[in-house]
Protein backbone atom coordinates (compact mmCIF):
# COMPACT_ATOMS: atom_id res chain seq x y z
CA MET A 1 -18.22 -39.46 27.50
CA ASP A 2 -20.94 -41.46 28.20
CA ALA A 3 -23.13 -38.49 29.65
CA LEU A 4 -22.02 -36.52 26.50
CA VAL A 5 -23.26 -39.08 24.54
CA ALA A 6 -26.60 -39.53 26.26
CA SER A 7 -27.37 -35.71 26.34
CA ARG A 8 -26.51 -35.41 22.65
CA GLY A 9 -23.91 -32.84 23.62
CA ARG A 10 -21.49 -30.78 21.69
CA VAL A 11 -17.62 -30.79 21.58
CA VAL A 12 -15.88 -27.44 20.52
CA MET A 13 -12.28 -27.37 19.65
CA LEU A 14 -10.37 -24.14 19.55
CA THR A 15 -7.84 -24.65 16.88
CA SER A 16 -6.39 -22.02 14.77
CA ARG A 17 -6.30 -20.69 11.18
CA MET A 18 -2.51 -22.06 11.02
CA ALA A 19 -4.15 -25.51 11.11
CA VAL A 20 -4.68 -25.27 7.56
CA MET A 21 -2.79 -22.26 6.26
CA GLN A 22 0.68 -22.57 7.45
CA LEU A 23 3.27 -19.47 8.54
CA PRO A 24 6.86 -19.83 8.17
CA LEU A 25 8.56 -19.61 11.66
CA ALA A 26 5.68 -21.32 13.25
CA ALA A 27 5.75 -25.14 12.05
CA ALA A 28 5.20 -26.52 15.57
CA TYR A 29 2.42 -24.44 16.39
CA GLY A 30 0.91 -24.99 13.12
CA ALA A 31 1.30 -28.78 13.33
CA SER A 32 -0.07 -28.96 16.83
CA LYS A 33 -3.23 -27.19 15.65
CA ARG A 34 -3.72 -29.42 12.63
CA ALA A 35 -3.08 -32.50 15.18
CA VAL A 36 -6.10 -30.89 17.12
CA VAL A 37 -8.27 -30.82 13.89
CA ALA A 38 -7.18 -34.61 13.04
CA TYR A 39 -8.29 -35.62 16.58
CA ALA A 40 -11.85 -33.75 16.18
CA ASP A 41 -12.15 -35.55 12.81
CA ALA A 42 -11.67 -38.89 14.50
CA LEU A 43 -13.95 -38.14 17.45
CA ARG A 44 -16.53 -37.12 14.97
CA LEU A 45 -16.35 -40.42 13.37
CA GLU A 46 -16.43 -42.24 16.78
CA ILE A 47 -19.40 -40.36 18.36
CA GLY A 48 -20.42 -37.90 15.76
CA THR A 49 -23.86 -39.55 15.31
CA HIS A 50 -24.86 -38.39 19.01
CA VAL A 51 -22.48 -35.51 19.40
CA GLY A 52 -21.61 -32.51 17.65
CA VAL A 53 -17.98 -31.89 17.00
CA THR A 54 -16.97 -28.36 15.86
CA CYS A 55 -13.59 -26.74 15.18
CA VAL A 56 -13.25 -23.06 15.66
CA TYR A 57 -10.54 -21.36 13.52
CA PRO A 58 -9.51 -17.83 14.91
CA SER A 59 -6.37 -16.13 13.62
CA ALA A 60 -4.17 -14.18 15.60
CA VAL A 61 -5.22 -12.97 19.11
CA ARG A 62 -3.18 -10.55 20.85
CA SER A 63 -1.50 -12.54 23.96
CA PRO A 64 1.64 -13.52 25.53
CA ILE A 65 2.20 -16.27 23.24
CA HIS A 66 3.75 -13.81 20.71
CA ASP A 67 6.31 -12.48 23.06
CA SER A 68 9.26 -14.62 22.79
CA THR A 69 9.19 -14.57 19.15
CA ALA A 70 8.78 -10.55 19.22
CA GLN A 71 11.83 -10.50 21.72
CA ALA A 72 14.02 -12.69 19.20
CA GLY A 73 13.10 -10.38 16.33
CA LEU A 74 10.89 -12.89 14.57
CA SER A 75 7.45 -11.40 14.95
CA LEU A 76 5.12 -12.52 12.65
CA GLN A 77 2.94 -9.51 13.21
CA GLY A 78 1.76 -8.31 9.67
CA MET A 79 1.59 -11.77 8.24
CA SER A 80 -1.71 -12.18 9.80
CA GLN A 81 -4.15 -9.55 11.12
CA PHE A 82 -4.96 -9.64 14.87
CA GLU A 83 -8.70 -9.98 15.79
CA PRO A 84 -10.48 -9.27 18.95
CA LEU A 85 -10.98 -11.84 21.51
CA GLU A 86 -14.61 -11.26 21.73
CA GLY A 87 -15.12 -12.22 18.32
CA VAL A 88 -13.49 -15.73 19.04
CA VAL A 89 -15.68 -15.97 22.32
CA ARG A 90 -18.88 -15.31 20.15
CA THR A 91 -17.83 -17.94 17.78
CA VAL A 92 -17.18 -20.62 20.27
CA GLU A 93 -20.70 -19.75 21.94
CA LYS A 94 -22.18 -20.15 18.69
CA ALA A 95 -20.60 -23.47 17.84
CA ALA A 96 -21.78 -24.76 21.37
CA LEU A 97 -25.14 -23.40 21.28
CA SER A 98 -26.48 -23.47 17.59
CA SER A 99 -29.11 -25.79 16.80
CA ARG A 100 -26.70 -27.70 14.11
CA ALA A 101 -23.27 -28.47 14.90
CA ARG A 102 -20.87 -27.27 11.86
CA ARG A 103 -17.78 -28.89 11.21
CA HIS A 104 -15.30 -25.89 10.65
CA LEU A 105 -16.19 -22.48 11.98
CA PRO A 106 -13.72 -19.77 11.14
CA THR A 107 -14.19 -16.46 13.33
CA THR A 108 -14.25 -13.83 10.82
CA ARG A 109 -15.41 -12.99 7.28
CA ARG A 110 -11.73 -12.82 6.24
CA GLY A 111 -11.07 -15.89 8.14
CA SER A 112 -13.66 -17.77 6.11
CA VAL A 113 -11.98 -16.57 3.00
CA GLU A 114 -8.59 -17.71 4.14
CA PHE A 115 -9.76 -20.91 5.21
CA PHE A 116 -11.58 -21.40 1.93
CA LEU A 117 -8.38 -20.62 -0.01
CA ALA A 118 -6.17 -22.70 2.14
CA ARG A 119 -8.53 -25.85 1.80
CA HIS A 120 -9.31 -25.44 -2.03
CA PHE A 121 -6.42 -23.53 -3.45
CA PRO A 122 -3.11 -24.37 -1.35
CA ALA A 123 -0.75 -23.57 -3.83
CA LEU A 124 -2.29 -19.89 -4.29
CA THR A 125 -2.39 -19.61 -0.45
CA ASP A 126 1.36 -20.60 -0.14
CA ARG A 127 2.12 -18.11 -2.82
CA ILE A 128 0.47 -15.24 -0.95
CA VAL A 129 1.98 -16.22 2.20
CA ALA A 130 5.34 -16.26 0.56
CA ARG A 131 4.91 -12.82 -0.98
CA THR A 132 3.71 -11.46 2.24
CA LEU A 133 6.93 -12.56 3.96
CA ALA A 134 9.34 -11.48 1.42
CA GLY A 135 7.66 -8.04 1.76
CA ARG A 136 8.18 -8.03 5.63
CA VAL A 137 11.87 -9.20 4.90
CA ARG A 138 12.40 -6.44 2.30
CA SER A 139 10.86 -3.87 4.86
CA GLY A 140 13.48 -4.91 7.48
CA ALA A 141 11.03 -6.63 9.74
CA PHE A 142 13.53 -9.37 10.49
CA ALA A 143 16.77 -7.15 10.75
CA GLY A 144 17.18 -7.61 14.39
CA ALA A 145 16.74 -11.10 14.41
CA THR A 146 18.99 -13.58 16.16
CA PRO A 147 19.03 -17.31 14.70
CA PRO A 148 17.89 -20.08 16.85
CA ALA A 149 20.47 -21.97 18.89
CA ARG A 150 22.36 -24.75 16.88
CA SER A 151 20.46 -23.63 13.64
CA GLY A 152 22.88 -24.95 11.18
CA TRP A 153 22.77 -22.00 9.17
CA ALA A 154 26.07 -21.01 8.08
CA SER A 155 27.30 -17.46 8.26
CA GLY A 156 26.42 -15.67 5.02
CA SER A 157 23.33 -17.68 4.44
CA PRO A 158 20.01 -16.25 3.99
CA CYS A 159 17.93 -16.05 7.14
CA PRO A 160 15.51 -18.99 7.74
CA ALA A 161 12.58 -16.41 7.20
CA CYS A 162 13.50 -15.56 3.70
CA CYS A 163 11.93 -17.02 0.69
CA CYS A 164 14.30 -15.58 -1.66
CA SER A 165 17.87 -17.06 -2.37
CA THR A 166 21.03 -14.98 -1.96
CA SER A 167 21.10 -14.60 -5.75
CA SER A 168 17.48 -13.45 -5.88
CA PRO A 169 17.48 -10.26 -7.85
CA THR A 170 14.59 -8.96 -5.71
CA ARG A 171 16.66 -9.26 -2.52
CA SER A 172 16.76 -6.11 -0.59
CA ALA A 173 19.66 -4.41 0.73
CA SER A 174 17.83 -4.13 4.13
CA HIS A 175 17.82 -8.06 4.02
CA ARG A 176 20.80 -9.68 6.15
CA SER A 177 22.10 -12.92 6.37
CA TRP A 178 22.38 -14.63 9.86
CA PRO A 179 25.62 -14.10 11.73
CA ALA A 180 27.87 -16.98 12.50
């Protein structure tokens, strides 16, 4: 740490847009990324007068991290747009090499808009996410999903991905309840 402070270096934390904009079925991931941002904030207070601390916020990048949820029928594809890894790398380079350290750095223009909305209009962002999820449920995107072990959902209850209730008039016929 002493060498970093002496050289007036840079710390770049690779977080995720899910640090500020939560998606259903990914609470643990989002919470872990929010924790990285909290750590960066504390680090900035401790050494930020001598070291630049930047958080980079990519959206979804195609990687094996998505395989297990896809196999369970719970893929979040369609909830977020995949972005090319090269754009993330360019943003990390920009964060590390720019003359001025930026506190937050989304990786795309769309990401900048999502980041702004999530930070300044969280209720609106929640409604957009809920509407997108409801559309994915209606389209049958989760029709082959299997519930998590020991989930506690009773037979006949709506799936945990659903933001509509069993009595919702907008509930589609393709939506199914979790098996017992």
